[in-house]
Each structure stands twice: as structure tokens, then as C-alpha cells.
């Protein structure tokens, strides 16, 4: 599994963010077969799983999905059916990124 490296605007990691920005997008297919591009914001370890935080194209909230590695080594994103997990992961994301994003409560 490749590790994503997400940064804020004031990051001092030394990476070239202009090229890296192109890698921060994920294309998902909706129920109707339409491809939708989401911006990858972060990944969060919670319990025994990894969750990804995605920003939809309309910038209206975030989408939280579970990252699962399939038997053939591919990565798959799964919908979370437990609202408590979504809330906990989002709380961790907010705390971890409070200096990067302005959150509305």
C-alpha cells in the first residue's frame, strides 16, 4: 500500500507541492456510473482500520471512507455504515488538522 503524504500550505517538509497536488485526487464511481473527483485530505488510523477523508467537488462537507486492501493487493474504499465510527474519525481529523483547516461546528 502506497503511503499518501498530505501537507498544509505552510508545511516545511521540503517537497514540491505543485507537482504533488496532482496526486491528491481520487476518482470514485457513483451508483449511476458517473466518475466524480474528490480531493484527498488525510488518512486516519482508527481501531484496526484506516479511513480516508475526501473533499467532494462541491466543497460541501467531507466524505469518510474505509480503506481496505483486497486479496490481490489493490486498494478499495468502502462506505462506513456506523455513524459512530464516522463521528470519531472526523473528530480525530479535526483535532489533527485544526491548524490547517477552518472548521465550522
Protein backbone atom coordinates (compact mmCIF):
# COMPACT_ATOMS: atom_id res chain seq x y z
CA UNK A 1 0.00 0.00 0.00
CA UNK A 2 1.45 3.36 -1.01
CA UNK A 3 1.50 5.97 1.71
CA UNK A 4 -0.17 9.29 0.95
CA UNK A 5 1.61 12.39 2.20
CA UNK A 6 -0.71 15.37 2.67
CA UNK A 7 0.52 18.82 3.65
CA UNK A 8 -0.74 22.23 4.59
CA UNK A 9 0.22 25.43 2.84
CA UNK A 10 2.83 26.30 5.46
CA UNK A 11 4.45 22.88 5.51
CA UNK A 12 8.23 22.87 5.73
CA UNK A 13 8.78 19.30 4.57
CA UNK A 14 10.85 20.26 1.52
CA UNK A 15 8.58 18.58 -1.06
CA UNK A 16 7.47 20.33 -4.25
CA UNK A 17 3.76 20.82 -3.57
CA UNK A 18 2.88 21.98 -7.07
CA UNK A 19 3.54 18.52 -8.56
CA UNK A 20 2.21 16.75 -5.50
CA UNK A 21 -1.17 18.49 -5.71
CA UNK A 22 -1.98 16.44 -8.80
CA UNK A 23 -1.61 13.24 -6.75
CA UNK A 24 -4.10 14.38 -4.10
CA UNK A 25 -7.20 13.48 -6.08
CA UNK A 26 -9.25 10.29 -6.09
CA UNK A 27 -11.82 9.39 -8.74
CA UNK A 28 -14.81 7.39 -7.48
CA UNK A 29 -17.70 5.96 -9.47
CA UNK A 30 -21.19 6.69 -8.11
CA UNK A 31 -24.25 4.42 -8.21
CA UNK A 32 -25.17 5.71 -11.67
CA UNK A 33 -21.73 5.02 -13.16
CA UNK A 34 -20.59 8.66 -13.14
CA UNK A 35 -16.97 9.37 -12.24
CA UNK A 36 -16.57 12.00 -9.51
CA UNK A 37 -13.23 13.52 -8.50
CA UNK A 38 -12.58 14.05 -4.77
CA UNK A 39 -9.63 15.77 -3.14
CA UNK A 40 -7.74 13.52 -0.72
CA UNK A 41 -7.30 15.43 2.56
CA UNK A 42 -5.89 12.90 5.01
CA UNK A 43 -5.84 9.33 6.26
CA UNK A 44 -6.68 8.42 9.85
CA UNK A 45 -5.85 5.23 11.72
CA UNK A 46 -8.74 4.27 14.00
CA UNK A 47 -9.20 0.91 15.66
CA UNK A 48 -7.89 -1.75 13.30
CA UNK A 49 -8.67 0.20 10.14
CA UNK A 50 -7.51 3.11 8.02
CA UNK A 51 -10.00 5.75 6.93
CA UNK A 52 -9.58 8.38 4.24
CA UNK A 53 -11.03 11.88 4.37
CA UNK A 54 -12.16 13.15 0.96
CA UNK A 55 -13.45 16.56 -0.09
CA UNK A 56 -16.29 16.43 -2.68
CA UNK A 57 -16.18 18.73 -5.71
CA UNK A 58 -18.91 20.95 -4.24
CA UNK A 59 -16.76 21.56 -1.08
CA UNK A 60 -19.84 20.70 0.99
CA UNK A 61 -18.61 18.67 3.96
CA UNK A 62 -16.28 15.68 3.72
CA UNK A 63 -16.66 12.04 2.77
CA UNK A 64 -15.09 9.49 5.11
CA UNK A 65 -14.45 6.01 3.73
CA UNK A 66 -12.63 2.93 4.98
CA UNK A 67 -9.52 1.94 3.07
CA UNK A 68 -9.29 -1.80 2.50
CA UNK A 69 -6.62 -3.80 0.74
CA UNK A 70 -8.07 -6.58 -1.40
CA UNK A 71 -6.60 -10.08 -1.71
CA UNK A 72 -4.83 -9.10 -4.93
CA UNK A 73 -3.11 -6.13 -3.26
CA UNK A 74 -5.37 -3.45 -4.73
CA UNK A 75 -6.85 -0.71 -2.55
CA UNK A 76 -10.60 -0.30 -2.24
CA UNK A 77 -12.71 2.35 -0.50
CA UNK A 78 -15.74 1.17 1.46
CA UNK A 79 -18.73 3.12 2.71
CA UNK A 80 -18.95 3.34 6.51
CA UNK A 81 -22.29 2.12 7.87
CA UNK A 82 -21.66 3.01 11.52
CA UNK A 83 -22.25 6.74 12.21
CA UNK A 84 -20.29 6.50 15.48
CA UNK A 85 -17.14 5.49 13.57
CA UNK A 86 -17.63 8.38 11.13
CA UNK A 87 -18.03 10.83 14.02
CA UNK A 88 -14.94 9.52 15.85
CA UNK A 89 -12.78 9.58 12.72
CA UNK A 90 -13.98 13.10 11.87
CA UNK A 91 -13.17 14.28 15.42
CA UNK A 92 -9.63 12.90 15.09
CA UNK A 93 -9.29 14.56 11.66
CA UNK A 94 -10.42 17.93 13.08
CA UNK A 95 -8.03 17.74 16.01
CA UNK A 96 -5.12 16.65 13.82
CA UNK A 97 -5.76 19.39 11.23
CA UNK A 98 -7.02 22.29 13.34
CA UNK A 99 -4.07 24.42 12.25
CA UNK A 100 -4.59 23.63 8.54
CA UNK A 101 -8.36 23.99 8.05
CA UNK A 102 -11.04 26.33 9.42
CA UNK A 103 -13.77 24.06 10.79
CA UNK A 104 -17.35 25.16 11.29
CA UNK A 105 -19.05 23.49 14.24
